[in-house]
Amino acid sequence: MSDIKTTQQRNFEGEVVSVKESKTIHVVVKTTKMHPKYRKQYIISRKFAVHDEHSRAKLGNLVTFVECRPLSKTKRWTLVNIVK
């Protein structure tokens, strides 16, 4: 048995909404949830600061990103690839 702990990285897909900072993009991830009592679907949106080393992502692109070590006060995510 090994004492190595493996962690599963969380990954998300979202739309780029800001590219104003250098090496940082802001991505909005929208998920649909259902109200437990009224059974109505609604949209939850969350904004993430994502590290983009080579500034490849443009405004409006669909991107995937994964969890990483803290890079700054707000950045804990790094860009994997640009989907669209």
N, C-alpha and C. Protein backbone atom coordinates (compact mmCIF):
# COMPACT_ATOMS: atom_id res chain seq x y z
N MET A 1 0.84 -1.19 0.00
CA MET A 1 0.00 0.00 0.00
C MET A 1 0.88 1.25 0.00
N SER A 2 0.47 2.21 -0.77
CA SER A 2 1.25 3.44 -0.84
C SER A 2 0.56 4.55 -0.05
N ASP A 3 1.37 5.47 0.43
CA ASP A 3 0.84 6.60 1.20
C ASP A 3 0.60 7.82 0.34
N ILE A 4 0.67 7.66 -0.98
CA ILE A 4 0.47 8.78 -1.88
C ILE A 4 -1.02 9.06 -2.00
N LYS A 5 -1.36 10.33 -1.75
CA LYS A 5 -2.76 10.74 -1.88
C LYS A 5 -2.98 11.32 -3.26
N THR A 6 -3.97 10.81 -3.95
CA THR A 6 -4.29 11.36 -5.26
C THR A 6 -5.54 12.21 -5.13
N THR A 7 -5.48 13.37 -5.72
CA THR A 7 -6.63 14.26 -5.69
C THR A 7 -7.19 14.38 -7.09
N GLN A 8 -8.48 14.44 -7.17
CA GLN A 8 -9.12 14.59 -8.46
C GLN A 8 -9.32 16.08 -8.73
N GLN A 9 -8.83 16.53 -9.87
CA GLN A 9 -8.96 17.94 -10.21
C GLN A 9 -10.36 18.20 -10.73
N ARG A 10 -10.97 19.27 -10.22
CA ARG A 10 -12.27 19.68 -10.75
C ARG A 10 -12.05 20.40 -12.07
N ASN A 11 -12.94 20.18 -13.02
CA ASN A 11 -12.83 20.89 -14.27
C ASN A 11 -14.20 21.42 -14.68
N PHE A 12 -14.19 22.58 -15.34
CA PHE A 12 -15.41 23.25 -15.75
C PHE A 12 -15.28 23.72 -17.19
N GLU A 13 -16.41 24.07 -17.77
CA GLU A 13 -16.46 24.63 -19.11
C GLU A 13 -17.32 25.87 -19.04
N GLY A 14 -16.84 26.98 -19.62
CA GLY A 14 -17.59 28.22 -19.56
C GLY A 14 -17.20 29.18 -20.65
N GLU A 15 -17.83 30.35 -20.61
CA GLU A 15 -17.61 31.38 -21.62
C GLU A 15 -16.75 32.51 -21.07
N VAL A 16 -15.79 32.96 -21.87
CA VAL A 16 -14.90 34.05 -21.47
C VAL A 16 -15.67 35.37 -21.53
N VAL A 17 -15.66 36.12 -20.42
CA VAL A 17 -16.38 37.39 -20.37
C VAL A 17 -15.46 38.59 -20.21
N SER A 18 -14.19 38.35 -19.86
CA SER A 18 -13.24 39.46 -19.71
C SER A 18 -11.83 38.98 -20.01
N VAL A 19 -11.09 39.79 -20.78
CA VAL A 19 -9.68 39.50 -21.08
C VAL A 19 -8.82 40.74 -20.83
N LYS A 20 -9.23 41.59 -19.92
CA LYS A 20 -8.56 42.87 -19.70
C LYS A 20 -7.24 42.75 -18.95
N GLU A 21 -7.08 41.73 -18.11
CA GLU A 21 -5.85 41.57 -17.35
C GLU A 21 -4.85 40.73 -18.15
N SER A 22 -3.57 40.91 -17.86
CA SER A 22 -2.56 40.11 -18.55
C SER A 22 -2.47 38.74 -17.89
N LYS A 23 -2.46 37.69 -18.71
CA LYS A 23 -2.38 36.28 -18.29
C LYS A 23 -3.56 35.83 -17.43
N THR A 24 -4.64 36.60 -17.41
CA THR A 24 -5.83 36.23 -16.64
C THR A 24 -7.07 36.47 -17.48
N ILE A 25 -7.97 35.49 -17.46
CA ILE A 25 -9.27 35.66 -18.10
C ILE A 25 -10.34 35.38 -17.05
N HIS A 26 -11.50 35.96 -17.25
CA HIS A 26 -12.62 35.70 -16.36
C HIS A 26 -13.66 34.91 -17.14
N VAL A 27 -14.08 33.79 -16.55
CA VAL A 27 -14.96 32.85 -17.23
C VAL A 27 -16.23 32.68 -16.41
N VAL A 28 -17.39 32.73 -17.09
CA VAL A 28 -18.68 32.50 -16.43
C VAL A 28 -19.13 31.07 -16.74
N VAL A 29 -19.45 30.33 -15.67
CA VAL A 29 -19.96 28.97 -15.80
C VAL A 29 -21.41 28.98 -15.38
N LYS A 30 -22.30 28.54 -16.27
CA LYS A 30 -23.72 28.51 -15.97
C LYS A 30 -24.18 27.08 -15.78
N THR A 31 -24.89 26.83 -14.68
CA THR A 31 -25.44 25.50 -14.41
C THR A 31 -26.93 25.65 -14.11
N THR A 32 -27.69 24.65 -14.50
CA THR A 32 -29.13 24.68 -14.21
C THR A 32 -29.40 23.81 -13.00
N LYS A 33 -30.22 24.32 -12.11
CA LYS A 33 -30.63 23.59 -10.91
C LYS A 33 -32.14 23.54 -10.87
N MET A 34 -32.65 22.62 -10.08
CA MET A 34 -34.09 22.51 -9.94
C MET A 34 -34.47 22.80 -8.50
N HIS A 35 -35.50 23.61 -8.32
CA HIS A 35 -35.98 23.94 -7.00
C HIS A 35 -36.59 22.68 -6.37
N PRO A 36 -36.21 22.36 -5.12
CA PRO A 36 -36.68 21.11 -4.53
C PRO A 36 -38.19 21.04 -4.29
N LYS A 37 -38.80 22.18 -3.99
CA LYS A 37 -40.24 22.16 -3.70
C LYS A 37 -41.08 22.43 -4.94
N TYR A 38 -40.74 23.47 -5.69
CA TYR A 38 -41.58 23.91 -6.80
C TYR A 38 -41.21 23.25 -8.14
N ARG A 39 -40.12 22.47 -8.15
CA ARG A 39 -39.71 21.71 -9.35
C ARG A 39 -39.52 22.59 -10.58
N LYS A 40 -39.05 23.81 -10.38
CA LYS A 40 -38.79 24.71 -11.49
C LYS A 40 -37.29 24.83 -11.69
N GLN A 41 -36.86 24.81 -12.94
CA GLN A 41 -35.44 24.95 -13.23
C GLN A 41 -35.04 26.42 -13.25
N TYR A 42 -33.84 26.68 -12.73
CA TYR A 42 -33.29 28.03 -12.77
C TYR A 42 -31.79 27.95 -13.00
N ILE A 43 -31.22 29.07 -13.45
CA ILE A 43 -29.81 29.09 -13.83
C ILE A 43 -28.99 29.77 -12.75
N ILE A 44 -27.90 29.10 -12.36
CA ILE A 44 -26.92 29.66 -11.44
C ILE A 44 -25.67 29.97 -12.26
N SER A 45 -25.13 31.18 -12.14
CA SER A 45 -23.90 31.51 -12.85
C SER A 45 -22.83 31.87 -11.84
N ARG A 46 -21.60 31.43 -12.12
CA ARG A 46 -20.48 31.69 -11.24
C ARG A 46 -19.30 32.14 -12.08
N LYS A 47 -18.54 33.09 -11.57
CA LYS A 47 -17.43 33.69 -12.31
C LYS A 47 -16.10 33.23 -11.71
N PHE A 48 -15.18 32.79 -12.57
CA PHE A 48 -13.88 32.30 -12.13
C PHE A 48 -12.77 33.11 -12.79
N ALA A 49 -11.70 33.36 -12.03
CA ALA A 49 -10.49 33.97 -12.59
C ALA A 49 -9.58 32.82 -12.98
N VAL A 50 -9.24 32.74 -14.28
CA VAL A 50 -8.49 31.61 -14.82
C VAL A 50 -7.16 32.10 -15.38
N HIS A 51 -6.09 31.34 -15.10
CA HIS A 51 -4.75 31.68 -15.58
C HIS A 51 -4.61 31.25 -17.03
N ASP A 52 -4.26 32.20 -17.89
CA ASP A 52 -4.04 31.95 -19.32
C ASP A 52 -2.62 32.42 -19.64
N GLU A 53 -1.67 31.51 -19.59
CA GLU A 53 -0.25 31.84 -19.68
C GLU A 53 0.11 32.59 -20.97
N HIS A 54 -0.40 32.16 -22.11
CA HIS A 54 -0.02 32.74 -23.39
C HIS A 54 -1.07 33.69 -23.96
N SER A 55 -2.07 34.03 -23.19
CA SER A 55 -3.16 34.95 -23.59
C SER A 55 -3.78 34.54 -24.92
N ARG A 56 -4.15 33.26 -25.04
CA ARG A 56 -4.73 32.73 -26.28
C ARG A 56 -6.24 32.94 -26.34
N ALA A 57 -6.92 32.96 -25.20
CA ALA A 57 -8.38 33.05 -25.18
C ALA A 57 -8.85 34.46 -25.54
N LYS A 58 -9.91 34.52 -26.30
CA LYS A 58 -10.51 35.79 -26.69
C LYS A 58 -11.90 35.91 -26.07
N LEU A 59 -12.43 37.11 -26.10
CA LEU A 59 -13.76 37.37 -25.54
C LEU A 59 -14.82 36.55 -26.28
N GLY A 60 -15.66 35.83 -25.53
CA GLY A 60 -16.72 35.04 -26.13
C GLY A 60 -16.35 33.59 -26.42
N ASN A 61 -15.09 33.21 -26.25
CA ASN A 61 -14.68 31.83 -26.48
C ASN A 61 -15.26 30.90 -25.43
N LEU A 62 -15.47 29.65 -25.81
CA LEU A 62 -15.87 28.60 -24.88
C LEU A 62 -14.60 27.85 -24.49
N VAL A 63 -14.29 27.79 -23.19
CA VAL A 63 -13.03 27.20 -22.73
C VAL A 63 -13.27 26.17 -21.64
N THR A 64 -12.30 25.27 -21.47
CA THR A 64 -12.31 24.35 -20.34
C THR A 64 -11.11 24.68 -19.46
N PHE A 65 -11.29 24.54 -18.14
CA PHE A 65 -10.22 24.85 -17.20
C PHE A 65 -10.28 23.92 -16.01
N VAL A 66 -9.13 23.73 -15.34
CA VAL A 66 -9.02 22.80 -14.21
C VAL A 66 -8.48 23.51 -12.99
N GLU A 67 -8.66 22.87 -11.86
CA GLU A 67 -8.19 23.39 -10.59
C GLU A 67 -6.67 23.22 -10.50
N CYS A 68 -6.00 24.18 -9.86
CA CYS A 68 -4.55 24.10 -9.68
C CYS A 68 -4.20 24.74 -8.34
N ARG A 69 -2.91 24.85 -8.09
CA ARG A 69 -2.48 25.49 -6.84
C ARG A 69 -2.81 26.99 -6.90
N PRO A 70 -2.92 27.65 -5.76
CA PRO A 70 -3.21 29.09 -5.78
C PRO A 70 -2.08 29.88 -6.46
N LEU A 71 -2.46 30.64 -7.48
CA LEU A 71 -1.50 31.45 -8.22
C LEU A 71 -1.51 32.90 -7.77
N SER A 72 -2.62 33.34 -7.21
CA SER A 72 -2.74 34.69 -6.66
C SER A 72 -3.89 34.67 -5.66
N LYS A 73 -4.34 35.83 -5.26
CA LYS A 73 -5.42 35.90 -4.28
C LYS A 73 -6.71 35.27 -4.81
N THR A 74 -7.00 35.45 -6.09
CA THR A 74 -8.26 34.93 -6.64
C THR A 74 -8.08 33.81 -7.65
N LYS A 75 -6.89 33.62 -8.21
CA LYS A 75 -6.69 32.61 -9.25
C LYS A 75 -6.31 31.25 -8.66
N ARG A 76 -7.18 30.25 -8.88
CA ARG A 76 -6.90 28.88 -8.49
C ARG A 76 -7.23 27.93 -9.64
N TRP A 77 -7.30 28.46 -10.86
CA TRP A 77 -7.70 27.70 -12.04
C TRP A 77 -6.76 27.99 -13.17
N THR A 78 -6.53 27.00 -14.03
CA THR A 78 -5.67 27.19 -15.19
C THR A 78 -6.37 26.68 -16.45
N LEU A 79 -6.11 27.35 -17.55
CA LEU A 79 -6.76 27.05 -18.82
C LEU A 79 -6.21 25.73 -19.39
N VAL A 80 -7.14 24.87 -19.88
CA VAL A 80 -6.74 23.62 -20.50
C VAL A 80 -6.77 23.76 -22.02
N ASN A 81 -7.94 24.08 -22.57
CA ASN A 81 -8.01 24.29 -24.01
C ASN A 81 -9.19 25.18 -24.36
N ILE A 82 -9.18 25.66 -25.59
CA ILE A 82 -10.25 26.50 -26.11
C ILE A 82 -11.13 25.60 -26.97
N VAL A 83 -12.41 25.48 -26.59
CA VAL A 83 -13.33 24.60 -27.30
C VAL A 83 -13.80 25.24 -28.58
N LYS A 84 -14.23 26.50 -28.50
CA LYS A 84 -14.78 27.22 -29.65
C LYS A 84 -14.24 28.63 -29.72
